[in-house]
Full PDB file with SEQRES, HELIX, SHEET, SSBOND, CRYST1, ORIGX, SCALE, CONECT and MASTER records, all heavy atoms in Angstrom:
SEQRES   1 A   44  TRP VAL ARG GLN ALA PRO GLY LYS GLU ARG GLU THR VAL          
SEQRES   2 A   44  ALA ALA LEU ASN TRP SER GLY ARG ARG THR TYR TYR ALA          
SEQRES   3 A   44  ASP SER VAL GLN GLY ARG PHE THR ILE SER ARG ASP ASP          
SEQRES   4 A   44  ALA LYS ASN THR LEU                                          
SHEET    1 AA1 2 VAL A   2  ARG A   3  0                                        
SHEET    2 AA1 2 GLU A  11  THR A  12 -1                                        
SHEET    1 AA2 2 ALA A  14  LEU A  16  0                                        
SHEET    2 AA2 2 THR A  23  TYR A  25 -1                                        
CRYST1    1.000    1.000    1.000  90.00  90.00  90.00 P 1           1          
ORIGX1      1.000000  0.000000  0.000000        0.00000                         
ORIGX2      0.000000  1.000000  0.000000        0.00000                         
ORIGX3      0.000000  0.000000  1.000000        0.00000                         
SCALE1      1.000000  0.000000  0.000000        0.00000                         
SCALE2      0.000000  1.000000  0.000000        0.00000                         
SCALE3      0.000000  0.000000  1.000000        0.00000                         
ATOM      1  N   TRP A   1     120.668 105.072 106.329  1.00  0.00           N  
ATOM      2  CA  TRP A   1     120.942 105.626 107.648  1.00  0.00           C  
ATOM      3  C   TRP A   1     121.354 107.077 107.452  1.00  0.00           C  
ATOM      4  O   TRP A   1     122.309 107.361 106.714  1.00  0.00           O  
ATOM      5  CB  TRP A   1     122.052 104.851 108.357  1.00  0.00           C  
ATOM      6  CG  TRP A   1     121.629 103.510 108.846  1.00  0.00           C  
ATOM      7  CD1 TRP A   1     121.843 102.302 108.244  1.00  0.00           C  
ATOM      8  CD2 TRP A   1     120.922 103.231 110.058  1.00  0.00           C  
ATOM      9  NE1 TRP A   1     121.310 101.306 109.000  1.00  0.00           N  
ATOM     10  CE2 TRP A   1     120.738 101.839 110.116  1.00  0.00           C  
ATOM     11  CE3 TRP A   1     120.425 104.013 111.100  1.00  0.00           C  
ATOM     12  CZ2 TRP A   1     120.074 101.211 111.187  1.00  0.00           C  
ATOM     13  CZ3 TRP A   1     119.768 103.406 112.151  1.00  0.00           C  
ATOM     14  CH2 TRP A   1     119.606 102.017 112.188  1.00  0.00           C  
ATOM     15  N   VAL A   2     120.649 107.951 108.104  1.00  0.00           N  
ATOM     16  CA  VAL A   2     120.876 109.386 108.007  1.00  0.00           C  
ATOM     17  C   VAL A   2     121.169 109.918 109.400  1.00  0.00           C  
ATOM     18  O   VAL A   2     120.468 109.571 110.341  1.00  0.00           O  
ATOM     19  CB  VAL A   2     119.643 110.096 107.414  1.00  0.00           C  
ATOM     20  CG1 VAL A   2     119.871 111.620 107.349  1.00  0.00           C  
ATOM     21  CG2 VAL A   2     119.301 109.551 106.048  1.00  0.00           C  
ATOM     22  N   ARG A   3     122.201 110.747 109.518  1.00  0.00           N  
ATOM     23  CA  ARG A   3     122.514 111.292 110.837  1.00  0.00           C  
ATOM     24  C   ARG A   3     122.422 112.811 110.823  1.00  0.00           C  
ATOM     25  O   ARG A   3     122.554 113.455 109.783  1.00  0.00           O  
ATOM     26  CB  ARG A   3     123.907 110.861 111.283  1.00  0.00           C  
ATOM     27  CG  ARG A   3     125.065 111.478 110.523  1.00  0.00           C  
ATOM     28  CD  ARG A   3     126.390 110.868 110.991  1.00  0.00           C  
ATOM     29  NE  ARG A   3     127.537 111.438 110.276  1.00  0.00           N  
ATOM     30  CZ  ARG A   3     128.778 110.981 110.399  1.00  0.00           C  
ATOM     31  NH1 ARG A   3     129.030 109.948 111.203  1.00  0.00           N  
ATOM     32  NH2 ARG A   3     129.767 111.557 109.735  1.00  0.00           N  
ATOM     33  N   GLN A   4     122.187 113.330 112.007  1.00  0.00           N  
ATOM     34  CA  GLN A   4     122.167 114.777 112.164  1.00  0.00           C  
ATOM     35  C   GLN A   4     122.811 115.150 113.487  1.00  0.00           C  
ATOM     36  O   GLN A   4     122.351 114.731 114.554  1.00  0.00           O  
ATOM     37  CB  GLN A   4     120.745 115.344 112.100  1.00  0.00           C  
ATOM     38  CG  GLN A   4     120.718 116.863 112.111  1.00  0.00           C  
ATOM     39  CD  GLN A   4     119.402 117.437 111.653  1.00  0.00           C  
ATOM     40  OE1 GLN A   4     118.352 116.829 111.802  1.00  0.00           O  
ATOM     41  NE2 GLN A   4     119.449 118.635 111.067  1.00  0.00           N  
ATOM     42  N   ALA A   5     123.881 115.904 113.393  1.00  0.00           N  
ATOM     43  CA  ALA A   5     124.571 116.422 114.569  1.00  0.00           C  
ATOM     44  C   ALA A   5     124.046 117.817 114.877  1.00  0.00           C  
ATOM     45  O   ALA A   5     123.545 118.504 113.981  1.00  0.00           O  
ATOM     46  CB  ALA A   5     126.070 116.446 114.317  1.00  0.00           C  
ATOM     47  N   PRO A   6     124.164 118.260 116.115  1.00  0.00           N  
ATOM     48  CA  PRO A   6     123.669 119.597 116.477  1.00  0.00           C  
ATOM     49  C   PRO A   6     124.301 120.680 115.609  1.00  0.00           C  
ATOM     50  O   PRO A   6     125.511 120.720 115.427  1.00  0.00           O  
ATOM     51  CB  PRO A   6     124.112 119.748 117.939  1.00  0.00           C  
ATOM     52  CG  PRO A   6     124.191 118.350 118.445  1.00  0.00           C  
ATOM     53  CD  PRO A   6     124.685 117.536 117.283  1.00  0.00           C  
ATOM     54  N   GLY A   7     123.452 121.514 115.049  1.00  0.00           N  
ATOM     55  CA  GLY A   7     123.928 122.618 114.233  1.00  0.00           C  
ATOM     56  C   GLY A   7     124.375 122.245 112.837  1.00  0.00           C  
ATOM     57  O   GLY A   7     124.869 123.100 112.102  1.00  0.00           O  
ATOM     58  N   LYS A   8     124.198 120.981 112.468  1.00  0.00           N  
ATOM     59  CA  LYS A   8     124.629 120.539 111.143  1.00  0.00           C  
ATOM     60  C   LYS A   8     123.452 120.014 110.348  1.00  0.00           C  
ATOM     61  O   LYS A   8     122.412 119.651 110.905  1.00  0.00           O  
ATOM     62  CB  LYS A   8     125.712 119.465 111.271  1.00  0.00           C  
ATOM     63  CG  LYS A   8     127.006 119.960 111.886  1.00  0.00           C  
ATOM     64  CD  LYS A   8     128.095 118.901 111.811  1.00  0.00           C  
ATOM     65  CE  LYS A   8     129.413 119.425 112.347  1.00  0.00           C  
ATOM     66  NZ  LYS A   8     130.489 118.390 112.252  1.00  0.00           N  
ATOM     67  N   GLU A   9     123.625 119.958 109.042  1.00  0.00           N  
ATOM     68  CA  GLU A   9     122.590 119.423 108.179  1.00  0.00           C  
ATOM     69  C   GLU A   9     122.565 117.888 108.253  1.00  0.00           C  
ATOM     70  O   GLU A   9     123.547 117.257 108.627  1.00  0.00           O  
ATOM     71  CB  GLU A   9     122.817 119.860 106.737  1.00  0.00           C  
ATOM     72  CG  GLU A   9     122.693 121.365 106.533  1.00  0.00           C  
ATOM     73  CD  GLU A   9     122.793 121.742 105.069  1.00  0.00           C  
ATOM     74  OE1 GLU A   9     123.090 120.871 104.240  1.00  0.00           O  
ATOM     75  OE2 GLU A   9     122.559 122.926 104.758  1.00  0.00           O  
ATOM     76  N   ARG A  10     121.443 117.344 107.864  1.00  0.00           N  
ATOM     77  CA  ARG A  10     121.350 115.889 107.792  1.00  0.00           C  
ATOM     78  C   ARG A  10     122.317 115.341 106.762  1.00  0.00           C  
ATOM     79  O   ARG A  10     122.541 115.954 105.718  1.00  0.00           O  
ATOM     80  CB  ARG A  10     119.918 115.470 107.436  1.00  0.00           C  
ATOM     81  CG  ARG A  10     118.876 115.768 108.491  1.00  0.00           C  
ATOM     82  CD  ARG A  10     117.516 115.310 108.049  1.00  0.00           C  
ATOM     83  NE  ARG A  10     117.092 115.916 106.799  1.00  0.00           N  
ATOM     84  CZ  ARG A  10     115.963 115.612 106.155  1.00  0.00           C  
ATOM     85  NH1 ARG A  10     115.150 114.707 106.646  1.00  0.00           N  
ATOM     86  NH2 ARG A  10     115.661 116.220 105.029  1.00  0.00           N  
ATOM     87  N   GLU A  11     122.841 114.183 107.042  1.00  0.00           N  
ATOM     88  CA  GLU A  11     123.810 113.543 106.146  1.00  0.00           C  
ATOM     89  C   GLU A  11     123.473 112.058 106.036  1.00  0.00           C  
ATOM     90  O   GLU A  11     123.377 111.370 107.050  1.00  0.00           O  
ATOM     91  CB  GLU A  11     125.239 113.705 106.696  1.00  0.00           C  
ATOM     92  CG  GLU A  11     126.280 112.955 105.916  1.00  0.00           C  
ATOM     93  CD  GLU A  11     127.642 112.927 106.604  1.00  0.00           C  
ATOM     94  OE1 GLU A  11     127.695 113.044 107.848  1.00  0.00           O  
ATOM     95  OE2 GLU A  11     128.648 112.764 105.898  1.00  0.00           O  
ATOM     96  N   THR A  12     123.308 111.588 104.809  1.00  0.00           N  
ATOM     97  CA  THR A  12     123.134 110.159 104.602  1.00  0.00           C  
ATOM     98  C   THR A  12     124.495 109.504 104.702  1.00  0.00           C  
ATOM     99  O   THR A  12     125.369 109.771 103.887  1.00  0.00           O  
ATOM    100  CB  THR A  12     122.503 109.858 103.238  1.00  0.00           C  
ATOM    101  OG1 THR A  12     121.237 110.521 103.149  1.00  0.00           O  
ATOM    102  CG2 THR A  12     122.291 108.363 103.057  1.00  0.00           C  
ATOM    103  N   VAL A  13     124.679 108.665 105.697  1.00  0.00           N  
ATOM    104  CA  VAL A  13     125.991 108.043 105.869  1.00  0.00           C  
ATOM    105  C   VAL A  13     126.085 106.719 105.121  1.00  0.00           C  
ATOM    106  O   VAL A  13     127.177 106.317 104.715  1.00  0.00           O  
ATOM    107  CB  VAL A  13     126.338 107.837 107.357  1.00  0.00           C  
ATOM    108  CG1 VAL A  13     126.449 109.173 108.072  1.00  0.00           C  
ATOM    109  CG2 VAL A  13     125.324 106.945 108.055  1.00  0.00           C  
ATOM    110  N   ALA A  14     124.970 106.038 104.941  1.00  0.00           N  
ATOM    111  CA  ALA A  14     124.977 104.760 104.229  1.00  0.00           C  
ATOM    112  C   ALA A  14     123.586 104.471 103.691  1.00  0.00           C  
ATOM    113  O   ALA A  14     122.591 104.871 104.296  1.00  0.00           O  
ATOM    114  CB  ALA A  14     125.422 103.626 105.145  1.00  0.00           C  
ATOM    115  N   ALA A  15     123.559 103.786 102.557  1.00  0.00           N  
ATOM    116  CA  ALA A  15     122.277 103.456 101.944  1.00  0.00           C  
ATOM    117  C   ALA A  15     122.426 102.187 101.137  1.00  0.00           C  
ATOM    118  O   ALA A  15     123.538 101.815 100.715  1.00  0.00           O  
ATOM    119  CB  ALA A  15     121.792 104.611 101.046  1.00  0.00           C  
ATOM    120  N   LEU A  16     121.309 101.515 100.928  1.00  0.00           N  
ATOM    121  CA  LEU A  16     121.330 100.366 100.038  1.00  0.00           C  
ATOM    122  C   LEU A  16     120.000 100.245  99.318  1.00  0.00           C  
ATOM    123  O   LEU A  16     118.981 100.788  99.734  1.00  0.00           O  
ATOM    124  CB  LEU A  16     121.690  99.076 100.773  1.00  0.00           C  
ATOM    125  CG  LEU A  16     121.041  98.677 102.090  1.00  0.00           C  
ATOM    126  CD1 LEU A  16     119.560  98.487 101.998  1.00  0.00           C  
ATOM    127  CD2 LEU A  16     121.701  97.424 102.626  1.00  0.00           C  
ATOM    128  N   ASN A  17     120.021  99.522  98.206  1.00  0.00           N  
ATOM    129  CA  ASN A  17     118.806  99.364  97.416  1.00  0.00           C  
ATOM    130  C   ASN A  17     117.988  98.205  97.975  1.00  0.00           C  
ATOM    131  O   ASN A  17     118.345  97.577  98.969  1.00  0.00           O  
ATOM    132  CB  ASN A  17     119.131  99.174  95.939  1.00  0.00           C  
ATOM    133  CG  ASN A  17     119.711  97.807  95.633  1.00  0.00           C  
ATOM    134  OD1 ASN A  17     120.340  97.185  96.502  1.00  0.00           O  
ATOM    135  ND2 ASN A  17     119.513  97.330  94.420  1.00  0.00           N  
ATOM    136  N   TRP A  18     116.875  97.885  97.323  1.00  0.00           N  
ATOM    137  CA  TRP A  18     115.965  96.895  97.867  1.00  0.00           C  
ATOM    138  C   TRP A  18     116.604  95.518  97.984  1.00  0.00           C  
ATOM    139  O   TRP A  18     116.300  94.756  98.899  1.00  0.00           O  
ATOM    140  CB  TRP A  18     114.689  96.814  97.024  1.00  0.00           C  
ATOM    141  CG  TRP A  18     114.914  96.274  95.632  1.00  0.00           C  
ATOM    142  CD1 TRP A  18     115.164  96.997  94.511  1.00  0.00           C  
ATOM    143  CD2 TRP A  18     114.906  94.904  95.224  1.00  0.00           C  
ATOM    144  NE1 TRP A  18     115.326  96.175  93.431  1.00  0.00           N  
ATOM    145  CE2 TRP A  18     115.167  94.878  93.837  1.00  0.00           C  
ATOM    146  CE3 TRP A  18     114.700  93.695  95.891  1.00  0.00           C  
ATOM    147  CZ2 TRP A  18     115.224  93.696  93.108  1.00  0.00           C  
ATOM    148  CZ3 TRP A  18     114.756  92.516  95.170  1.00  0.00           C  
ATOM    149  CH2 TRP A  18     115.022  92.541  93.789  1.00  0.00           C  
ATOM    150  N   SER A  19     117.544  95.189  97.092  1.00  0.00           N  
ATOM    151  CA  SER A  19     118.158  93.862  97.137  1.00  0.00           C  
ATOM    152  C   SER A  19     119.346  93.800  98.085  1.00  0.00           C  
ATOM    153  O   SER A  19     119.791  92.724  98.453  1.00  0.00           O  
ATOM    154  CB  SER A  19     118.603  93.454  95.738  1.00  0.00           C  
ATOM    155  OG  SER A  19     119.723  94.241  95.337  1.00  0.00           O  
ATOM    156  N   GLY A  20     119.874  94.977  98.442  1.00  0.00           N  
ATOM    157  CA  GLY A  20     121.066  95.007  99.276  1.00  0.00           C  
ATOM    158  C   GLY A  20     122.355  94.858  98.488  1.00  0.00           C  
ATOM    159  O   GLY A  20     123.442  94.929  99.075  1.00  0.00           O  
ATOM    160  N   ARG A  21     122.246  94.685  97.178  1.00  0.00           N  
ATOM    161  CA  ARG A  21     123.467  94.458  96.391  1.00  0.00           C  
ATOM    162  C   ARG A  21     124.138  95.756  95.954  1.00  0.00           C  
ATOM    163  O   ARG A  21     125.282  95.750  95.504  1.00  0.00           O  
ATOM    164  CB  ARG A  21     123.125  93.613  95.172  1.00  0.00           C  
ATOM    165  CG  ARG A  21     122.870  92.141  95.517  1.00  0.00           C  
ATOM    166  CD  ARG A  21     122.868  91.274  94.266  1.00  0.00           C  
ATOM    167  NE  ARG A  21     121.656  91.451  93.488  1.00  0.00           N  
ATOM    168  CZ  ARG A  21     120.580  90.687  93.639  1.00  0.00           C  
ATOM    169  NH1 ARG A  21     120.583  89.725  94.541  1.00  0.00           N  
ATOM    170  NH2 ARG A  21     119.517  90.881  92.905  1.00  0.00           N  
ATOM    171  N   ARG A  22     123.421  96.861  96.047  1.00  0.00           N  
ATOM    172  CA  ARG A  22     124.009  98.162  95.721  1.00  0.00           C  
ATOM    173  C   ARG A  22     124.042  98.998  96.987  1.00  0.00           C  
ATOM    174  O   ARG A  22     123.009  99.163  97.651  1.00  0.00           O  
ATOM    175  CB  ARG A  22     123.213  98.856  94.634  1.00  0.00           C  
ATOM    176  CG  ARG A  22     123.188  98.100  93.304  1.00  0.00           C  
ATOM    177  CD  ARG A  22     122.516  98.927  92.241  1.00  0.00           C  
ATOM    178  NE  ARG A  22     123.306 100.137  91.957  1.00  0.00           N  
ATOM    179  CZ  ARG A  22     122.799 101.208  91.373  1.00  0.00           C  
ATOM    180  NH1 ARG A  22     121.524 101.265  91.036  1.00  0.00           N  
ATOM    181  NH2 ARG A  22     123.566 102.250  91.127  1.00  0.00           N  
ATOM    182  N   THR A  23     125.205  99.518  97.311  1.00  0.00           N  
ATOM    183  CA  THR A  23     125.345 100.290  98.533  1.00  0.00           C  
ATOM    184  C   THR A  23     126.044 101.618  98.285  1.00  0.00           C  
ATOM    185  O   THR A  23     126.753 101.792  97.278  1.00  0.00           O  
ATOM    186  CB  THR A  23     126.150  99.516  99.601  1.00  0.00           C  
ATOM    187  OG1 THR A  23     127.433  99.174  99.048  1.00  0.00           O  
ATOM    188  CG2 THR A  23     125.436  98.247 100.029  1.00  0.00           C  
ATOM    189  N   TYR A  24     125.843 102.521  99.206  1.00  0.00           N  
ATOM    190  CA  TYR A  24     126.457 103.852  99.168  1.00  0.00           C  
ATOM    191  C   TYR A  24     126.980 104.165 100.557  1.00  0.00           C  
ATOM    192  O   TYR A  24     126.336 103.834 101.564  1.00  0.00           O  
ATOM    193  CB  TYR A  24     125.416 104.906  98.768  1.00  0.00           C  
ATOM    194  CG  TYR A  24     125.822 106.325  99.130  1.00  0.00           C  
ATOM    195  CD1 TYR A  24     126.640 107.062  98.291  1.00  0.00           C  
ATOM    196  CD2 TYR A  24     125.408 106.886 100.342  1.00  0.00           C  
ATOM    197  CE1 TYR A  24     127.029 108.349  98.642  1.00  0.00           C  
ATOM    198  CE2 TYR A  24     125.787 108.169 100.693  1.00  0.00           C  
ATOM    199  CZ  TYR A  24     126.600 108.891  99.841  1.00  0.00           C  
ATOM    200  OH  TYR A  24     126.985 110.151 100.187  1.00  0.00           O  
ATOM    201  N   TYR A  25     128.158 104.800 100.596  1.00  0.00           N  
ATOM    202  CA  TYR A  25     128.715 105.283 101.849  1.00  0.00           C  
ATOM    203  C   TYR A  25     129.222 106.706 101.665  1.00  0.00           C  
ATOM    204  O   TYR A  25     129.862 107.017 100.649  1.00  0.00           O  
ATOM    205  CB  TYR A  25     129.867 104.395 102.325  1.00  0.00           C  
ATOM    206  CG  TYR A  25     129.439 103.000 102.681  1.00  0.00           C  
ATOM    207  CD1 TYR A  25     129.538 101.954 101.776  1.00  0.00           C  
ATOM    208  CD2 TYR A  25     128.912 102.729 103.946  1.00  0.00           C  
ATOM    209  CE1 TYR A  25     129.124 100.673 102.112  1.00  0.00           C  
ATOM    210  CE2 TYR A  25     128.505 101.455 104.286  1.00  0.00           C  
ATOM    211  CZ  TYR A  25     128.605 100.433 103.362  1.00  0.00           C  
ATOM    212  OH  TYR A  25     128.191  99.169 103.704  1.00  0.00           O  
ATOM    213  N   ALA A  26     128.966 107.537 102.644  1.00  0.00           N  
ATOM    214  CA  ALA A  26     129.566 108.862 102.638  1.00  0.00           C  
ATOM    215  C   ALA A  26     131.074 108.727 102.809  1.00  0.00           C  
ATOM    216  O   ALA A  26     131.548 107.781 103.461  1.00  0.00           O  
ATOM    217  CB  ALA A  26     128.975 109.700 103.762  1.00  0.00           C  
ATOM    218  N   ASP A  27     131.807 109.660 102.247  1.00  0.00           N  
ATOM    219  CA  ASP A  27     133.270 109.620 102.370  1.00  0.00           C  
ATOM    220  C   ASP A  27     133.707 109.581 103.828  1.00  0.00           C  
ATOM    221  O   ASP A  27     134.717 108.955 104.163  1.00  0.00           O  
ATOM    222  CB  ASP A  27     133.876 110.839 101.680  1.00  0.00           C  
ATOM    223  CG  ASP A  27     133.755 110.775 100.172  1.00  0.00           C  
ATOM    224  OD1 ASP A  27     133.498 109.683  99.625  1.00  0.00           O  
ATOM    225  OD2 ASP A  27     133.906 111.822  99.522  1.00  0.00           O  
ATOM    226  N   SER A  28     132.955 110.244 104.669  1.00  0.00           N  
ATOM    227  CA  SER A  28     133.333 110.368 106.078  1.00  0.00           C  
ATOM    228  C   SER A  28     133.283 109.039 106.832  1.00  0.00           C  
ATOM    229  O   SER A  28     133.884 108.905 107.901  1.00  0.00           O  
ATOM    230  CB  SER A  28     132.421 111.382 106.777  1.00  0.00           C  
ATOM    231  OG  SER A  28     131.060 111.024 106.639  1.00  0.00           O  
ATOM    232  N   VAL A  29     132.566 108.046 106.291  1.00  0.00           N  
ATOM    233  CA  VAL A  29     132.438 106.762 107.001  1.00  0.00           C  
ATOM    234  C   VAL A  29     132.932 105.590 106.165  1.00  0.00           C  
ATOM    235  O   VAL A  29     132.956 104.452 106.657  1.00  0.00           O  
ATOM    236  CB  VAL A  29     130.984 106.505 107.427  1.00  0.00           C  
ATOM    237  CG1 VAL A  29     130.445 107.682 108.232  1.00  0.00           C  
ATOM    238  CG2 VAL A  29     130.077 106.209 106.233  1.00  0.00           C  
ATOM    239  N   GLN A  30     133.308 105.835 104.920  1.00  0.00           N  
ATOM    240  CA  GLN A  30     133.779 104.769 104.037  1.00  0.00           C  
ATOM    241  C   GLN A  30     134.896 103.984 104.702  1.00  0.00           C  
ATOM    242  O   GLN A  30     135.852 104.545 105.225  1.00  0.00           O  
ATOM    243  CB  GLN A  30     134.266 105.383 102.721  1.00  0.00           C  
ATOM    244  CG  GLN A  30     134.778 104.375 101.721  1.00  0.00           C  
ATOM    245  CD  GLN A  30     133.674 103.591 101.068  1.00  0.00           C  
ATOM    246  OE1 GLN A  30     132.676 104.145 100.625  1.00  0.00           O  
ATOM    247  NE2 GLN A  30     133.830 102.282 101.011  1.00  0.00           N  
ATOM    248  N   GLY A  31     134.770 102.668 104.702  1.00  0.00           N  
ATOM    249  CA  GLY A  31     135.784 101.806 105.295  1.00  0.00           C  
ATOM    250  C   GLY A  31     135.605 101.565 106.777  1.00  0.00           C  
ATOM    251  O   GLY A  31     136.279 100.696 107.341  1.00  0.00           O  
ATOM    252  N   ARG A  32     134.715 102.306 107.409  1.00  0.00           N  
ATOM    253  CA  ARG A  32     134.474 102.136 108.849  1.00  0.00           C  
ATOM    254  C   ARG A  32     133.081 101.616 109.153  1.00  0.00           C  
ATOM    255  O   ARG A  32     132.892 100.852 110.106  1.00  0.00           O  
ATOM    256  CB  ARG A  32     134.686 103.467 109.573  1.00  0.00           C  
ATOM    257  CG  ARG A  32     136.076 104.048 109.432  1.00  0.00           C  
ATOM    258  CD  ARG A  32     136.256 105.267 110.339  1.00  0.00           C  
ATOM    259  NE  ARG A  32     135.364 106.370 110.005  1.00  0.00           N  
ATOM    260  CZ  ARG A  32     134.469 106.878 110.842  1.00  0.00           C  
ATOM    261  NH1 ARG A  32     134.349 106.387 112.073  1.00  0.00           N  
ATOM    262  NH2 ARG A  32     133.711 107.901 110.469  1.00  0.00           N  
ATOM    263  N   PHE A  33     132.101 102.027 108.370  1.00  0.00           N  
ATOM    264  CA  PHE A  33     130.703 101.631 108.578  1.00  0.00           C  
ATOM    265  C   PHE A  33     130.282 100.627 107.517  1.00  0.00           C  
ATOM    266  O   PHE A  33     130.733 100.693 106.370  1.00  0.00           O  
ATOM    267  CB  PHE A  33     129.780 102.837 108.516  1.00  0.00           C  
ATOM    268  CG  PHE A  33     129.902 103.811 109.648  1.00  0.00           C  
ATOM    269  CD1 PHE A  33     130.917 103.728 110.592  1.00  0.00           C  
ATOM    270  CD2 PHE A  33     128.984 104.852 109.781  1.00  0.00           C  
ATOM    271  CE1 PHE A  33     131.027 104.637 111.628  1.00  0.00           C  
ATOM    272  CE2 PHE A  33     129.066 105.777 110.809  1.00  0.00           C  
ATOM    273  CZ  PHE A  33     130.104 105.654 111.733  1.00  0.00           C  
ATOM    274  N   THR A  34     129.373  99.723 107.910  1.00  0.00           N  
ATOM    275  CA  THR A  34     128.812  98.762 106.969  1.00  0.00           C  
ATOM    276  C   THR A  34     127.308  98.697 107.143  1.00  0.00           C  
ATOM    277  O   THR A  34     126.817  98.468 108.260  1.00  0.00           O  
ATOM    278  CB  THR A  34     129.403  97.359 107.173  1.00  0.00           C  
ATOM    279  OG1 THR A  34     130.825  97.418 107.023  1.00  0.00           O  
ATOM    280  CG2 THR A  34     128.823  96.384 106.153  1.00  0.00           C  
ATOM    281  N   ILE A  35     126.583  98.890 106.058  1.00  0.00           N  
ATOM    282  CA  ILE A  35     125.139  98.777 106.076  1.00  0.00           C  
ATOM    283  C   ILE A  35     124.740  97.419 105.536  1.00  0.00           C  
ATOM    284  O   ILE A  35     125.370  96.898 104.606  1.00  0.00           O  
ATOM    285  CB  ILE A  35     124.481  99.914 105.259  1.00  0.00           C  
ATOM    286  CG1 ILE A  35     122.959  99.913 105.433  1.00  0.00           C  
ATOM    287  CG2 ILE A  35     124.859  99.832 103.778  1.00  0.00           C  
ATOM    288  CD1 ILE A  35     122.275 101.123 104.792  1.00  0.00           C  
ATOM    289  N   SER A  36     123.714  96.836 106.126  1.00  0.00           N  
ATOM    290  CA  SER A  36     123.235  95.545 105.657  1.00  0.00           C  
ATOM    291  C   SER A  36     121.763  95.414 106.021  1.00  0.00           C  
ATOM    292  O   SER A  36     121.236  96.151 106.839  1.00  0.00           O  
ATOM    293  CB  SER A  36     124.045  94.394 106.260  1.00  0.00           C  
ATOM    294  OG  SER A  36     123.908  94.376 107.669  1.00  0.00           O  
ATOM    295  N   ARG A  37     121.122  94.438 105.386  1.00  0.00           N  
ATOM    296  CA  ARG A  37     119.711  94.194 105.675  1.00  0.00           C  
ATOM    297  C   ARG A  37     119.464  92.692 105.760  1.00  0.00           C  
ATOM    298  O   ARG A  37     120.112  91.904 105.079  1.00  0.00           O  
ATOM    299  CB  ARG A  37     118.814  94.820 104.615  1.00  0.00           C  
ATOM    300  CG  ARG A  37     118.951  94.229 103.211  1.00  0.00           C  
ATOM    301  CD  ARG A  37     118.201  95.085 102.177  1.00  0.00           C  
ATOM    302  NE  ARG A  37     116.788  95.167 102.488  1.00  0.00           N  
ATOM    303  CZ  ARG A  37     115.976  96.114 102.005  1.00  0.00           C  
ATOM    304  NH1 ARG A  37     116.460  97.044 101.189  1.00  0.00           N  
ATOM    305  NH2 ARG A  37     114.707  96.135 102.314  1.00  0.00           N  
ATOM    306  N   ASP A  38     118.525  92.326 106.614  1.00  0.00           N  
ATOM    307  CA  ASP A  38     118.082  90.948 106.734  1.00  0.00           C  
ATOM    308  C   ASP A  38     116.578  90.966 106.515  1.00  0.00           C  
ATOM    309  O   ASP A  38     115.807  91.277 107.432  1.00  0.00           O  
ATOM    310  CB  ASP A  38     118.438  90.392 108.122  1.00  0.00           C  
ATOM    311  CG  ASP A  38     118.097  88.914 108.266  1.00  0.00           C  
ATOM    312  OD1 ASP A  38     117.244  88.426 107.500  1.00  0.00           O  
ATOM    313  OD2 ASP A  38     118.685  88.263 109.139  1.00  0.00           O  
ATOM    314  N   ASP A  39     116.146  90.665 105.300  1.00  0.00           N  
ATOM    315  CA  ASP A  39     114.732  90.749 104.977  1.00  0.00           C  
ATOM    316  C   ASP A  39     113.912  89.702 105.715  1.00  0.00           C  
ATOM    317  O   ASP A  39     112.717  89.903 105.957  1.00  0.00           O  
ATOM    318  CB  ASP A  39     114.526  90.634 103.472  1.00  0.00           C  
ATOM    319  CG  ASP A  39     115.028  91.864 102.729  1.00  0.00           C  
ATOM    320  OD1 ASP A  39     115.248  92.912 103.372  1.00  0.00           O  
ATOM    321  OD2 ASP A  39     115.219  91.785 101.494  1.00  0.00           O  
ATOM    322  N   ALA A  40     114.515  88.585 106.082  1.00  0.00           N  
ATOM    323  CA  ALA A  40     113.788  87.559 106.835  1.00  0.00           C  
ATOM    324  C   ALA A  40     113.411  88.088 108.218  1.00  0.00           C  
ATOM    325  O   ALA A  40     112.418  87.653 108.807  1.00  0.00           O  
ATOM    326  CB  ALA A  40     114.626  86.303 106.966  1.00  0.00           C  
ATOM    327  N   LYS A  41     114.214  89.013 108.728  1.00  0.00           N  
ATOM    328  CA  LYS A  41     113.950  89.600 110.045  1.00  0.00           C  
ATOM    329  C   LYS A  41     113.387  91.015 109.943  1.00  0.00           C  
ATOM    330  O   LYS A  41     113.181  91.679 110.954  1.00  0.00           O  
ATOM    331  CB  LYS A  41     115.231  89.624 110.876  1.00  0.00           C  
ATOM    332  CG  LYS A  41     115.789  88.254 111.191  1.00  0.00           C  
ATOM    333  CD  LYS A  41     117.043  88.362 112.047  1.00  0.00           C  
ATOM    334  CE  LYS A  41     117.572  86.974 112.400  1.00  0.00           C  
ATOM    335  NZ  LYS A  41     118.807  87.052 113.239  1.00  0.00           N  
ATOM    336  N   ASN A  42     113.169  91.488 108.715  1.00  0.00           N  
ATOM    337  CA  ASN A  42     112.684  92.864 108.518  1.00  0.00           C  
ATOM    338  C   ASN A  42     113.546  93.875 109.283  1.00  0.00           C  
ATOM    339  O   ASN A  42     113.043  94.771 109.965  1.00  0.00           O  
ATOM    340  CB  ASN A  42     111.226  93.003 108.978  1.00  0.00           C  
ATOM    341  CG  ASN A  42     110.241  92.528 107.938  1.00  0.00           C  
ATOM    342  OD1 ASN A  42     110.624  91.926 106.935  1.00  0.00           O  
ATOM    343  ND2 ASN A  42     108.967  92.776 108.160  1.00  0.00           N  
ATOM    344  N   THR A  43     114.848  93.732 109.163  1.00  0.00           N  
ATOM    345  CA  THR A  43     115.753  94.557 109.950  1.00  0.00           C  
ATOM    346  C   THR A  43     116.887  95.102 109.095  1.00  0.00           C  
ATOM    347  O   THR A  43     117.452  94.383 108.262  1.00  0.00           O  
ATOM    348  CB  THR A  43     116.330  93.783 111.135  1.00  0.00           C  
ATOM    349  OG1 THR A  43     115.255  93.281 111.945  1.00  0.00           O  
ATOM    350  CG2 THR A  43     117.205  94.663 111.997  1.00  0.00           C  
ATOM    351  N   LEU A  44     117.203  96.364 109.324  1.00  0.00           N  
ATOM    352  CA  LEU A  44     118.334  97.040 108.710  1.00  0.00           C  
ATOM    353  C   LEU A  44     119.395  97.258 109.786  1.00  0.00           C  
ATOM    354  O   LEU A  44     119.042  97.533 110.939  1.00  0.00           O  
ATOM    355  CB  LEU A  44     117.892  98.391 108.139  1.00  0.00           C  
ATOM    356  CG  LEU A  44     118.949  99.268 107.489  1.00  0.00           C  
ATOM    357  CD1 LEU A  44     119.327  98.706 106.114  1.00  0.00           C  
ATOM    358  CD2 LEU A  44     118.448 100.703 107.352  1.00  0.00           C  
TER     359      LEU A  44                                                      
MASTER        0    0    0    0    4    0    0    6  358    1    0    4          
END                                                                             
């Protein structure tokens, strides 16, 4: 998930690998946002 606010650069706020077992969070959202995937539903 990448966000872009007006006048600011793009920022990856959260990411995960193909299995979902490895995740990344930007410091700005750590502890507040959660990324997940459901491959059975093809949905992030």
